[in-house]
C-alpha atoms as a PDB file:
ATOM      1  CA  MET A   1      86.794  80.457 130.936  1.00  0.00           C
ATOM      2  CA  THR A   2      88.322  83.569 129.384  1.00  0.00           C
ATOM      3  CA  THR A   3      86.040  85.149 126.796  1.00  0.00           C
ATOM      4  CA  PRO A   4      87.329  84.396 123.278  1.00  0.00           C
ATOM      5  CA  ILE A   5      88.577  87.218 121.086  1.00  0.00           C
ATOM      6  CA  ARG A   6      86.816  87.142 117.711  1.00  0.00           C
ATOM      7  CA  ILE A   7      89.000  87.922 114.723  1.00  0.00           C
ATOM      8  CA  ALA A   8      87.463  88.432 111.297  1.00  0.00           C
ATOM      9  CA  VAL A   9      89.744  87.896 108.306  1.00  0.00           C
ATOM     10  CA  THR A  10      88.698  88.891 104.802  1.00  0.00           C
ATOM     11  CA  GLY A  11      90.157  87.135 101.790  1.00  0.00           C
ATOM     12  CA  ALA A  12      90.701  84.199 104.126  1.00  0.00           C
ATOM     13  CA  GLY A  13      91.164  81.718 101.293  1.00  0.00           C
ATOM     14  CA  GLY A  14      94.032  83.642  99.696  1.00  0.00           C
ATOM     15  CA  GLN A  15      97.712  83.068 100.313  1.00  0.00           C
ATOM     16  CA  ILE A  16      98.058  85.697 103.027  1.00  0.00           C
ATOM     17  CA  GLY A  17      94.840  84.598 104.727  1.00  0.00           C
ATOM     18  CA  TYR A  18      95.964  80.977 104.642  1.00  0.00           C
ATOM     19  CA  ALA A  19      99.315  81.892 106.201  1.00  0.00           C
ATOM     20  CA  LEU A  20      97.604  84.049 108.818  1.00  0.00           C
ATOM     21  CA  ILE A  21      94.676  82.135 110.248  1.00  0.00           C
ATOM     22  CA  PHE A  22      96.569  79.076 111.477  1.00  0.00           C
ATOM     23  CA  ARG A  23      98.951  81.267 113.457  1.00  0.00           C
ATOM     24  CA  ILE A  24      96.070  83.189 115.010  1.00  0.00           C
ATOM     25  CA  ALA A  25      94.398  79.904 115.961  1.00  0.00           C
ATOM     26  CA  SER A  26      97.629  78.578 117.481  1.00  0.00           C
ATOM     27  CA  GLY A  27      97.904  81.434 119.972  1.00  0.00           C
ATOM     28  CA  ALA A  28     100.791  83.210 118.225  1.00  0.00           C
ATOM     29  CA  VAL A  29      98.994  86.559 118.353  1.00  0.00           C
ATOM     30  CA  PHE A  30      97.173  86.813 121.669  1.00  0.00           C
ATOM     31  CA  GLY A  31      99.150  84.354 123.735  1.00  0.00           C
ATOM     32  CA  PRO A  32      98.851  80.789 125.061  1.00  0.00           C
ATOM     33  CA  ASN A  33      96.005  81.507 127.482  1.00  0.00           C
ATOM     34  CA  GLN A  34      93.631  83.515 125.289  1.00  0.00           C
ATOM     35  CA  PRO A  35      90.900  81.633 123.390  1.00  0.00           C
ATOM     36  CA  VAL A  36      90.120  82.912 119.900  1.00  0.00           C
ATOM     37  CA  ALA A  37      87.248  82.595 117.447  1.00  0.00           C
ATOM     38  CA  LEU A  38      87.636  83.090 113.703  1.00  0.00           C
ATOM     39  CA  SER A  39      85.233  84.587 111.198  1.00  0.00           C
ATOM     40  CA  LEU A  40      86.449  83.993 107.658  1.00  0.00           C
ATOM     41  CA  LEU A  41      85.106  86.014 104.738  1.00  0.00           C
ATOM     42  CA  GLU A  42      85.505  85.006 101.102  1.00  0.00           C
ATOM     43  CA  ILE A  43      83.816  85.624  97.785  1.00  0.00           C
ATOM     44  CA  THR A  44      81.204  83.015  96.920  1.00  0.00           C
ATOM     45  CA  PRO A  45      83.248  81.108  94.292  1.00  0.00           C
ATOM     46  CA  ALA A  46      86.066  80.612  96.813  1.00  0.00           C
ATOM     47  CA  LEU A  47      83.904  79.085  99.560  1.00  0.00           C
ATOM     48  CA  PRO A  48      84.419  75.453  98.465  1.00  0.00           C
ATOM     49  CA  ALA A  49      88.193  75.828  98.743  1.00  0.00           C
ATOM     50  CA  LEU A  50      87.781  77.608 102.073  1.00  0.00           C
ATOM     51  CA  LYS A  51      85.885  74.559 103.299  1.00  0.00           C
ATOM     52  CA  GLY A  52      89.123  72.622 102.882  1.00  0.00           C
ATOM     53  CA  THR A  53      90.895  75.167 105.061  1.00  0.00           C
ATOM     54  CA  LEU A  54      88.224  74.661 107.719  1.00  0.00           C
ATOM     55  CA  MET A  55      88.907  70.937 107.575  1.00  0.00           C
ATOM     56  CA  GLU A  56      92.592  71.633 108.173  1.00  0.00           C
ATOM     57  CA  LEU A  57      91.773  73.876 111.121  1.00  0.00           C
ATOM     58  CA  GLU A  58      89.753  71.025 112.597  1.00  0.00           C
ATOM     59  CA  ASP A  59      92.606  68.604 111.983  1.00  0.00           C
ATOM     60  CA  CYS A  60      95.059  70.877 113.801  1.00  0.00           C
ATOM     61  CA  ALA A  61      92.930  70.557 116.966  1.00  0.00           C
ATOM     62  CA  PHE A  62      94.045  73.927 118.279  1.00  0.00           C
ATOM     63  CA  PRO A  63      93.098  74.056 121.985  1.00  0.00           C
ATOM     64  CA  LEU A  64      92.532  77.814 121.871  1.00  0.00           C
ATOM     65  CA  LEU A  65      90.248  77.858 118.835  1.00  0.00           C
ATOM     66  CA  THR A  66      86.676  77.900 120.090  1.00  0.00           C
ATOM     67  CA  ASP A  67      84.666  78.632 116.945  1.00  0.00           C
ATOM     68  CA  VAL A  68      85.040  79.167 113.192  1.00  0.00           C
ATOM     69  CA  VAL A  69      82.570  80.842 110.851  1.00  0.00           C
ATOM     70  CA  ALA A  70      83.084  80.818 107.076  1.00  0.00           C
ATOM     71  CA  THR A  71      80.840  83.046 104.992  1.00  0.00           C
ATOM     72  CA  ASP A  72      80.471  85.229 101.915  1.00  0.00           C
ATOM     73  CA  GLN A  73      78.338  87.728 103.862  1.00  0.00           C
ATOM     74  CA  THR A  74      80.207  90.717 105.269  1.00  0.00           C
ATOM     75  CA  THR A  75      77.762  91.359 108.099  1.00  0.00           C
ATOM     76  CA  VAL A  76      77.979  87.729 109.206  1.00  0.00           C
ATOM     77  CA  ALA A  77      81.773  87.798 109.207  1.00  0.00           C
ATOM     78  CA  PHE A  78      82.032  91.060 111.148  1.00  0.00           C
ATOM     79  CA  GLU A  79      79.317  90.318 113.707  1.00  0.00           C
ATOM     80  CA  GLY A  80      80.822  90.959 117.151  1.00  0.00           C
ATOM     81  CA  ALA A  81      84.379  91.089 115.809  1.00  0.00           C
ATOM     82  CA  ASP A  82      87.039  92.447 118.179  1.00  0.00           C
ATOM     83  CA  TRP A  83      89.600  92.623 115.373  1.00  0.00           C
ATOM     84  CA  VAL A  84      88.941  92.865 111.641  1.00  0.00           C
ATOM     85  CA  VAL A  85      91.886  92.131 109.358  1.00  0.00           C
ATOM     86  CA  LEU A  86      91.131  93.386 105.849  1.00  0.00           C
ATOM     87  CA  VAL A  87      93.283  91.144 103.691  1.00  0.00           C
ATOM     88  CA  GLY A  88      91.019  90.606 100.685  1.00  0.00           C
ATOM     89  CA  GLY A  89      91.103  92.976  97.743  1.00  0.00           C
ATOM     90  CA  LEU A  90      91.433  93.058  93.987  1.00  0.00           C
ATOM     91  CA  PRO A  91      95.018  92.355  92.905  1.00  0.00           C
ATOM     92  CA  ARG A  92      96.890  94.728  90.644  1.00  0.00           C
ATOM     93  CA  LYS A  93      96.900  93.486  87.053  1.00  0.00           C
ATOM     94  CA  ASP A  94      99.291  94.157  84.190  1.00  0.00           C
ATOM     95  CA  GLY A  95      98.895  97.675  82.913  1.00  0.00           C
ATOM     96  CA  MET A  96      96.840  98.777  85.925  1.00  0.00           C
ATOM     97  CA  SER A  97      97.980 102.018  87.517  1.00  0.00           C
ATOM     98  CA  ARG A  98      97.930 102.586  91.252  1.00  0.00           C
ATOM     99  CA  ALA A  99      95.024 104.987  90.741  1.00  0.00           C
ATOM    100  CA  ASP A 100      93.117 102.302  88.809  1.00  0.00           C
ATOM    101  CA  LEU A 101      93.673  99.834  91.634  1.00  0.00           C
ATOM    102  CA  ILE A 102      92.400 102.294  94.220  1.00  0.00           C
ATOM    103  CA  ARG A 103      89.257 102.929  92.193  1.00  0.00           C
ATOM    104  CA  ALA A 104      88.674  99.206  91.658  1.00  0.00           C
ATOM    105  CA  ASN A 105      89.025  98.403  95.358  1.00  0.00           C
ATOM    106  CA  GLY A 106      87.010 101.373  96.582  1.00  0.00           C
ATOM    107  CA  PRO A 107      83.558  99.752  96.523  1.00  0.00           C
ATOM    108  CA  ILE A 108      84.854  96.731  98.455  1.00  0.00           C
ATOM    109  CA  PHE A 109      86.068  98.871 101.339  1.00  0.00           C
ATOM    110  CA  THR A 110      83.004 101.094 101.228  1.00  0.00           C
ATOM    111  CA  GLY A 111      80.797  98.091 102.002  1.00  0.00           C
ATOM    112  CA  GLN A 112      83.173  96.648 104.556  1.00  0.00           C
ATOM    113  CA  GLY A 113      83.388  99.952 106.412  1.00  0.00           C
ATOM    114  CA  ARG A 114      79.592 100.075 106.666  1.00  0.00           C
ATOM    115  CA  ALA A 115      79.425  96.511 107.937  1.00  0.00           C
ATOM    116  CA  ILE A 116      82.095  97.175 110.568  1.00  0.00           C
ATOM    117  CA  ASN A 117      80.133 100.205 111.667  1.00  0.00           C
ATOM    118  CA  ASP A 118      76.882  98.249 111.920  1.00  0.00           C
ATOM    119  CA  VAL A 119      77.781  94.928 113.507  1.00  0.00           C
ATOM    120  CA  ALA A 120      81.339  94.772 114.876  1.00  0.00           C
ATOM    121  CA  SER A 121      82.142  94.877 118.588  1.00  0.00           C
ATOM    122  CA  PRO A 122      82.047  98.351 120.149  1.00  0.00           C
ATOM    123  CA  ASN A 123      85.755  97.885 120.885  1.00  0.00           C
ATOM    124  CA  VAL A 124      86.703  96.678 117.402  1.00  0.00           C
ATOM    125  CA  ARG A 125      90.096  97.466 115.947  1.00  0.00           C
ATOM    126  CA  ILE A 126      90.787  97.219 112.227  1.00  0.00           C
ATOM    127  CA  LEU A 127      94.020  96.426 110.383  1.00  0.00           C
ATOM    128  CA  THR A 128      94.032  97.001 106.621  1.00  0.00           C
ATOM    129  CA  VAL A 129      96.485  94.797 104.746  1.00  0.00           C
ATOM    130  CA  ALA A 130      95.073  94.877 101.202  1.00  0.00           C
ATOM    131  CA  ASN A 131      96.827  97.398  99.017  1.00  0.00           C
ATOM    132  CA  PRO A 132      96.848 100.316  98.580  1.00  0.00           C
ATOM    133  CA  CYS A 133      96.328  99.836 102.299  1.00  0.00           C
ATOM    134  CA  ASN A 134      96.500 103.454 103.496  1.00  0.00           C
ATOM    135  CA  THR A 135      93.770 104.654 101.145  1.00  0.00           C
ATOM    136  CA  ASN A 136      91.715 101.460 101.428  1.00  0.00           C
ATOM    137  CA  CYS A 137      91.758 102.050 105.185  1.00  0.00           C
ATOM    138  CA  LEU A 138      90.696 105.672 104.654  1.00  0.00           C
ATOM    139  CA  ILE A 139      87.754 104.582 102.480  1.00  0.00           C
ATOM    140  CA  ALA A 140      86.557 101.960 104.972  1.00  0.00           C
ATOM    141  CA  ARG A 141      86.932 104.329 107.901  1.00  0.00           C
ATOM    142  CA  SER A 142      84.949 107.039 106.106  1.00  0.00           C
ATOM    143  CA  HIS A 143      81.869 104.768 106.137  1.00  0.00           C
ATOM    144  CA  ALA A 144      82.115 103.824 109.820  1.00  0.00           C
ATOM    145  CA  PRO A 145      81.225 106.958 111.782  1.00  0.00           C
ATOM    146  CA  LYS A 146      80.603 105.014 115.018  1.00  0.00           C
ATOM    147  CA  ILE A 147      84.167 103.659 115.126  1.00  0.00           C
ATOM    148  CA  PRO A 148      86.674 106.027 116.772  1.00  0.00           C
ATOM    149  CA  PRO A 149      89.645 107.169 114.651  1.00  0.00           C
ATOM    150  CA  ASP A 150      92.216 105.474 116.879  1.00  0.00           C
ATOM    151  CA  ARG A 151      90.873 102.006 116.008  1.00  0.00           C
ATOM    152  CA  TRP A 152      92.106 102.088 112.379  1.00  0.00           C
ATOM    153  CA  PHE A 153      95.480 100.848 111.180  1.00  0.00           C
ATOM    154  CA  ALA A 154      97.076 100.388 107.758  1.00  0.00           C
ATOM    155  CA  MET A 155      99.898  97.864 107.670  1.00  0.00           C
ATOM    156  CA  THR A 156     103.403  99.209 107.164  1.00  0.00           C
ATOM    157  CA  ARG A 157     104.930  96.642 109.505  1.00  0.00           C
ATOM    158  CA  LEU A 158     106.137  94.517 106.594  1.00  0.00           C
ATOM    159  CA  ASP A 159     108.185  97.502 105.427  1.00  0.00           C
ATOM    160  CA  GLN A 160     109.490  97.976 108.980  1.00  0.00           C
ATOM    161  CA  ASN A 161     110.478  94.327 109.208  1.00  0.00           C
ATOM    162  CA  ARG A 162     112.172  94.454 105.807  1.00  0.00           C
ATOM    163  CA  ALA A 163     114.092  97.561 106.842  1.00  0.00           C
ATOM    164  CA  ALA A 164     115.165  96.040 110.155  1.00  0.00           C
ATOM    165  CA  ALA A 165     116.372  92.905 108.374  1.00  0.00           C
ATOM    166  CA  GLN A 166     118.447  94.947 105.918  1.00  0.00           C
ATOM    167  CA  LEU A 167     120.093  96.884 108.752  1.00  0.00           C
ATOM    168  CA  ALA A 168     120.868  93.674 110.613  1.00  0.00           C
ATOM    169  CA  LEU A 169     122.409  92.067 107.536  1.00  0.00           C
ATOM    170  CA  LYS A 170     124.556  95.115 106.817  1.00  0.00           C
ATOM    171  CA  ALA A 171     125.726  95.408 110.430  1.00  0.00           C
ATOM    172  CA  ASN A 172     126.133  91.622 110.780  1.00  0.00           C
ATOM    173  CA  VAL A 173     124.054  91.482 113.948  1.00  0.00           C
ATOM    174  CA  PRO A 174     120.876  89.592 114.931  1.00  0.00           C
ATOM    175  CA  VAL A 175     117.718  91.411 113.907  1.00  0.00           C
ATOM    176  CA  SER A 176     116.760  91.533 117.584  1.00  0.00           C
ATOM    177  CA  GLN A 177     119.418  94.236 117.939  1.00  0.00           C
ATOM    178  CA  ILE A 178     117.450  96.614 115.696  1.00  0.00           C
ATOM    179  CA  SER A 179     115.024  99.019 117.360  1.00  0.00           C
ATOM    180  CA  ARG A 180     113.202 102.284 116.639  1.00  0.00           C
ATOM    181  CA  MET A 181     112.957 101.428 112.955  1.00  0.00           C
ATOM    182  CA  THR A 182     110.226 103.703 111.592  1.00  0.00           C
ATOM    183  CA  ILE A 183     108.324 103.710 108.312  1.00  0.00           C
ATOM    184  CA  TRP A 184     106.880 107.126 107.545  1.00  0.00           C
ATOM    185  CA  GLY A 185     104.066 107.766 105.096  1.00  0.00           C
ATOM    186  CA  ASN A 186     102.431 105.590 102.498  1.00  0.00           C
ATOM    187  CA  HIS A 187     102.887 101.895 101.803  1.00  0.00           C
ATOM    188  CA  SER A 188     104.358 102.697  98.397  1.00  0.00           C
ATOM    189  CA  ASP A 189     107.613 103.721  96.792  1.00  0.00           C
ATOM    190  CA  THR A 190     107.327 107.106  98.541  1.00  0.00           C
ATOM    191  CA  GLN A 191     107.573 105.562 102.005  1.00  0.00           C
ATOM    192  CA  TYR A 192     110.553 106.631 104.081  1.00  0.00           C
ATOM    193  CA  PRO A 193     112.340 103.896 106.058  1.00  0.00           C
ATOM    194  CA  ASP A 194     113.902 106.155 108.673  1.00  0.00           C
ATOM    195  CA  TYR A 195     117.376 104.821 109.371  1.00  0.00           C
ATOM    196  CA  LYS A 196     118.475 108.014 111.160  1.00  0.00           C
ATOM    197  CA  ASN A 197     116.302 107.395 114.227  1.00  0.00           C
ATOM    198  CA  ALA A 198     116.912 103.639 114.162  1.00  0.00           C
ATOM    199  CA  ARG A 199     119.240 102.003 116.636  1.00  0.00           C
ATOM    200  CA  ILE A 200     121.520  98.986 116.488  1.00  0.00           C
ATOM    201  CA  GLY A 201     122.056  97.770 120.003  1.00  0.00           C
ATOM    202  CA  ASP A 202     122.736 100.846 122.134  1.00  0.00           C
ATOM    203  CA  HIS A 203     124.002 102.945 119.239  1.00  0.00           C
ATOM    204  CA  LYS A 204     122.537 104.987 116.423  1.00  0.00           C
ATOM    205  CA  ALA A 205     122.366 102.960 113.226  1.00  0.00           C
ATOM    206  CA  THR A 206     124.395 105.644 111.465  1.00  0.00           C
ATOM    207  CA  ASP A 207     127.186 105.264 114.055  1.00  0.00           C
ATOM    208  CA  VAL A 208     127.386 101.516 113.393  1.00  0.00           C
ATOM    209  CA  ILE A 209     126.941 101.705 109.614  1.00  0.00           C
ATOM    210  CA  THR A 210     129.011 104.690 108.513  1.00  0.00           C
ATOM    211  CA  ASP A 211     128.579 104.289 104.757  1.00  0.00           C
ATOM    212  CA  SER A 212     126.078 107.094 104.137  1.00  0.00           C
ATOM    213  CA  ALA A 213     125.812 106.260 100.422  1.00  0.00           C
ATOM    214  CA  TRP A 214     124.617 102.752 101.292  1.00  0.00           C
ATOM    215  CA  PHE A 215     121.611 104.159 103.122  1.00  0.00           C
ATOM    216  CA  THR A 216     120.438 106.385 100.282  1.00  0.00           C
ATOM    217  CA  GLU A 217     121.494 104.310  97.273  1.00  0.00           C
ATOM    218  CA  THR A 218     120.882 100.756  98.506  1.00  0.00           C
ATOM    219  CA  PHE A 219     118.897 100.624 101.748  1.00  0.00           C
ATOM    220  CA  ILE A 220     115.979 102.925 100.900  1.00  0.00           C
ATOM    221  CA  PRO A 221     115.408 101.536  97.358  1.00  0.00           C
ATOM    222  CA  THR A 222     115.762  97.942  98.574  1.00  0.00           C
ATOM    223  CA  VAL A 223     113.081  98.376 101.240  1.00  0.00           C
ATOM    224  CA  ALA A 224     110.728 100.241  98.909  1.00  0.00           C
ATOM    225  CA  LYS A 225     111.027  97.710  96.099  1.00  0.00           C
ATOM    226  CA  ARG A 226     111.346  94.529  98.153  1.00  0.00           C
ATOM    227  CA  GLY A 227     107.840  93.341  97.317  1.00  0.00           C
ATOM    228  CA  GLY A 228     108.578  93.457  93.593  1.00  0.00           C
ATOM    229  CA  ALA A 229     111.856  91.614  94.139  1.00  0.00           C
ATOM    230  CA  VAL A 230     110.019  88.831  95.983  1.00  0.00           C
ATOM    231  CA  ILE A 231     107.488  88.498  93.156  1.00  0.00           C
ATOM    232  CA  LYS A 232     110.308  88.269  90.618  1.00  0.00           C
ATOM    233  CA  ALA A 233     112.138  85.629  92.664  1.00  0.00           C
ATOM    234  CA  ARG A 234     109.266  83.330  93.681  1.00  0.00           C
ATOM    235  CA  GLY A 235     106.678  84.130  91.032  1.00  0.00           C
ATOM    236  CA  ALA A 236     104.132  85.201  93.653  1.00  0.00           C
ATOM    237  CA  SER A 237     103.689  88.019  96.114  1.00  0.00           C
ATOM    238  CA  SER A 238     104.873  88.165  99.711  1.00  0.00           C
ATOM    239  CA  ALA A 239     102.345  86.032 101.543  1.00  0.00           C
ATOM    240  CA  ALA A 240     104.067  84.487 104.569  1.00  0.00           C
ATOM    241  CA  SER A 241     105.991  87.659 105.403  1.00  0.00           C
ATOM    242  CA  ALA A 242     102.851  89.773 104.969  1.00  0.00           C
ATOM    243  CA  ALA A 243     100.898  87.469 107.298  1.00  0.00           C
ATOM    244  CA  ASN A 244     103.756  87.613 109.782  1.00  0.00           C
ATOM    245  CA  ALA A 245     103.732  91.422 109.616  1.00  0.00           C
ATOM    246  CA  ALA A 246      99.974  91.457 110.270  1.00  0.00           C
ATOM    247  CA  ILE A 247     100.574  89.328 113.357  1.00  0.00           C
ATOM    248  CA  ASP A 248     103.383  91.632 114.485  1.00  0.00           C
ATOM    249  CA  SER A 249     101.117  94.659 113.977  1.00  0.00           C
ATOM    250  CA  ILE A 250      98.325  93.265 116.130  1.00  0.00           C
ATOM    251  CA  ARG A 251     100.726  91.968 118.748  1.00  0.00           C
ATOM    252  CA  SER A 252     102.379  95.396 119.028  1.00  0.00           C
ATOM    253  CA  CYS A 253      98.965  96.996 119.531  1.00  0.00           C
ATOM    254  CA  VAL A 254      97.884  94.623 122.307  1.00  0.00           C
ATOM    255  CA  THR A 255     101.182  94.113 124.147  1.00  0.00           C
ATOM    256  CA  PRO A 256     102.099  96.769 126.734  1.00  0.00           C
ATOM    257  CA  LYS A 257     105.560  98.028 125.900  1.00  0.00           C
ATOM    258  CA  THR A 258     107.137 101.397 126.565  1.00  0.00           C
ATOM    259  CA  GLU A 259     110.728 101.114 125.335  1.00  0.00           C
ATOM    260  CA  ASP A 260     110.501 100.380 121.600  1.00  0.00           C
ATOM    261  CA  TRP A 261     108.127 101.682 118.959  1.00  0.00           C
ATOM    262  CA  PHE A 262     106.457 100.237 115.899  1.00  0.00           C
ATOM    263  CA  SER A 263     105.049 101.530 112.617  1.00  0.00           C
ATOM    264  CA  ALA A 264     101.521 101.579 111.263  1.00  0.00           C
ATOM    265  CA  GLY A 265      99.361 103.896 109.235  1.00  0.00           C
ATOM    266  CA  VAL A 266      96.990 105.741 111.554  1.00  0.00           C
ATOM    267  CA  VAL A 267      94.722 108.762 111.324  1.00  0.00           C
ATOM    268  CA  SER A 268      97.030 111.771 111.408  1.00  0.00           C
ATOM    269  CA  ASP A 269      96.383 114.310 114.151  1.00  0.00           C
ATOM    270  CA  GLY A 270      98.754 116.823 112.569  1.00  0.00           C
ATOM    271  CA  SER A 271     101.887 115.470 114.253  1.00  0.00           C
ATOM    272  CA  TYR A 272     105.139 116.157 112.413  1.00  0.00           C
ATOM    273  CA  GLY A 273     103.313 118.536 110.093  1.00  0.00           C
ATOM    274  CA  ILE A 274     101.310 115.790 108.375  1.00  0.00           C
ATOM    275  CA  PRO A 275      97.820 116.958 107.319  1.00  0.00           C
ATOM    276  CA  GLU A 276      95.098 115.826 109.685  1.00  0.00           C
ATOM    277  CA  GLY A 277      92.897 112.950 108.600  1.00  0.00           C
ATOM    278  CA  LEU A 278      95.337 111.165 106.293  1.00  0.00           C
ATOM    279  CA  ILE A 279      96.097 107.527 107.061  1.00  0.00           C
ATOM    280  CA  TYR A 280      99.831 108.034 107.465  1.00  0.00           C
ATOM    281  CA  SER A 281     102.491 105.781 108.950  1.00  0.00           C
ATOM    282  CA  PHE A 282     104.168 107.132 112.090  1.00  0.00           C
ATOM    283  CA  PRO A 283     106.318 105.718 114.876  1.00  0.00           C
ATOM    284  CA  LEU A 284     103.865 104.487 117.506  1.00  0.00           C
ATOM    285  CA  ARG A 285     104.067 103.329 121.082  1.00  0.00           C
ATOM    286  CA  THR A 286     101.541 101.413 123.166  1.00  0.00           C
ATOM    287  CA  ILE A 287     101.599 101.679 126.923  1.00  0.00           C
ATOM    288  CA  ASP A 288      98.788  99.478 128.215  1.00  0.00           C
ATOM    289  CA  GLY A 289      97.911  97.316 125.212  1.00  0.00           C
ATOM    290  CA  THR A 290      94.616  99.095 124.566  1.00  0.00           C
ATOM    291  CA  GLY A 291      95.671 102.526 123.348  1.00  0.00           C
ATOM    292  CA  TRP A 292      98.597 103.957 121.420  1.00  0.00           C
ATOM    293  CA  SER A 293     100.295 107.279 120.849  1.00  0.00           C
ATOM    294  CA  ILE A 294     102.502 108.786 118.171  1.00  0.00           C
ATOM    295  CA  VAL A 295     106.087 108.954 119.391  1.00  0.00           C
ATOM    296  CA  GLU A 296     107.094 112.542 120.053  1.00  0.00           C
ATOM    297  CA  GLY A 297     110.475 114.088 119.409  1.00  0.00           C
ATOM    298  CA  ALA A 298     111.797 111.914 116.571  1.00  0.00           C
ATOM    299  CA  HIS A 299     114.561 113.883 114.859  1.00  0.00           C
ATOM    300  CA  ILE A 300     113.578 115.133 111.410  1.00  0.00           C
ATOM    301  CA  ASP A 301     116.157 116.957 109.290  1.00  0.00           C
ATOM    302  CA  GLU A 302     115.650 118.824 106.022  1.00  0.00           C
ATOM    303  CA  ASP A 303     116.045 115.744 103.832  1.00  0.00           C
ATOM    304  CA  ASP A 304     113.671 113.761 106.043  1.00  0.00           C
ATOM    305  CA  ARG A 305     111.145 116.594 105.808  1.00  0.00           C
ATOM    306  CA  LYS A 306     111.132 116.384 102.018  1.00  0.00           C
ATOM    307  CA  ARG A 307     110.583 112.633 102.139  1.00  0.00           C
ATOM    308  CA  LEU A 308     107.763 112.880 104.679  1.00  0.00           C
ATOM    309  CA  ASP A 309     106.050 115.602 102.673  1.00  0.00           C
ATOM    310  CA  ALA A 310     106.385 113.680  99.388  1.00  0.00           C
ATOM    311  CA  SER A 311     104.585 110.692 100.863  1.00  0.00           C
ATOM    312  CA  ALA A 312     101.906 112.958 102.336  1.00  0.00           C
ATOM    313  CA  ALA A 313     101.408 114.567  98.922  1.00  0.00           C
ATOM    314  CA  GLU A 314     100.899 111.145  97.362  1.00  0.00           C
ATOM    315  CA  LEU A 315      98.305 110.251  99.990  1.00  0.00           C
ATOM    316  CA  ILE A 316      96.497 113.527  99.411  1.00  0.00           C
ATOM    317  CA  ALA A 317      96.383 112.751  95.684  1.00  0.00           C
ATOM    318  CA  GLU A 318      95.038 109.256  96.405  1.00  0.00           C
ATOM    319  CA  ARG A 319      92.403 110.687  98.744  1.00  0.00           C
ATOM    320  CA  ASP A 320      91.352 113.258  96.154  1.00  0.00           C
ATOM    321  CA  ALA A 321      91.064 110.531  93.504  1.00  0.00           C
ATOM    322  CA  VAL A 322      88.418 108.726  95.570  1.00  0.00           C
ATOM    323  CA  LYS A 323      86.534 111.706  97.019  1.00  0.00           C
ATOM    324  CA  ASP A 324      83.285 110.405  95.578  1.00  0.00           C
ATOM    325  CA  LEU A 325      83.782 107.121  97.464  1.00  0.00           C
ATOM    326  CA  LEU A 326      84.355 108.714 100.862  1.00  0.00           C
ATOM    327  CA  GLY A 327      81.648 108.784 103.485  1.00  0.00           C
ATOM    328  CA  SER A 328      80.866 111.257 106.215  1.00  0.00           C
ATOM    329  CA  ALA A 329      83.379 110.076 108.799  1.00  0.00           C
ATOM    330  CA  VAL A 330      86.403 111.856 107.234  1.00  0.00           C
END
C-alpha cells in the first residue's frame, strides 16, 4: 500500500477548514490513488464541534482516508506532517488595524513555527492561509531553523483565481483559457495582479482586452477588494473559495508542470529586485512536483516596478513591526 501523506490543518473547525478537509480526504488534492491522513488542530473550546466534523468524515467513508487525529496540542497535530496548512488565526475585528492584527496573531505563529521545526516530517511543506498570510508565514518560518526556506508558502492563489475569473468574464471566454496570471507582492490592497504578462488563449491579455482603463480602474481594484465585496454580499468571509485556493496551491506544488505558472508568497532570493528574505508573491513554476523556481524573464515596465516596490515596502513595514517576534531563522 502507498504510504499515506499526512496533512495537518489548523483552525480545522472554522469555515475554511470545514470546506477544505473533506476535499483533501476525497482525493481532490493528491489524486485518486494516494492515501491521506488528517491531523486537525483546534482551540480547546472548539473541540466538541470538531468531533461532529469527525463523525461526518466517518460517514463519508472516504476510501483514501486512513487516519484522523483531532487535537488542541500543536505538537500532536504536526507530528510527522508532510504538509501543514495554517488556516487558524485571530480574525480582524472592527476598529482593528492591519498592524494590530499582525501583532495579535504573532504569538500563534511563533508557537506553530517551533512545533513544525520540532516534530514535522523532514520533508514538510507549509502553506499559510491565515491573514496577514505573508507576515504570519515569515513569523512561523523564523522559528523553524531546521526547515529549508523553499518549504514555506503564503497563499496568494485566491487572488490569482479571482484575477483569472475577472479576465475570463471580461473576455467572455472560459477561465481555462487564462494562463500566466501572476500576483506580485503582499496579500493586501498593495498586491499587483499582473495582467500584462497574463495570456488569454494564445494571445496577450492586453491584445484581447484593449480597454486599458478597464485594467487600471476596474480590474486591479476589483481583485484587491474582492474579499470585502464577498463579506458585504454574503455576510461572511470567503471560505469555500479560500479552501479551493489552498487546494490549488498545494496541487500546483506537487504536480509536475512546465508550461504554466502559479502564484504564491515565497522567501525572496532577490529576484526582480525584491529584498531577500521577505515572503513575497512571485510567478512560480514546478518541474518535478517536489521543487519550484521563480519564473525568470517576466516583463516589468516602469509602472509595474512602482507597484512591485510598493508591496515590498509594505511587507518591510510589517516585518519591522514584528521584529521582536522573529526568531533566528530570518
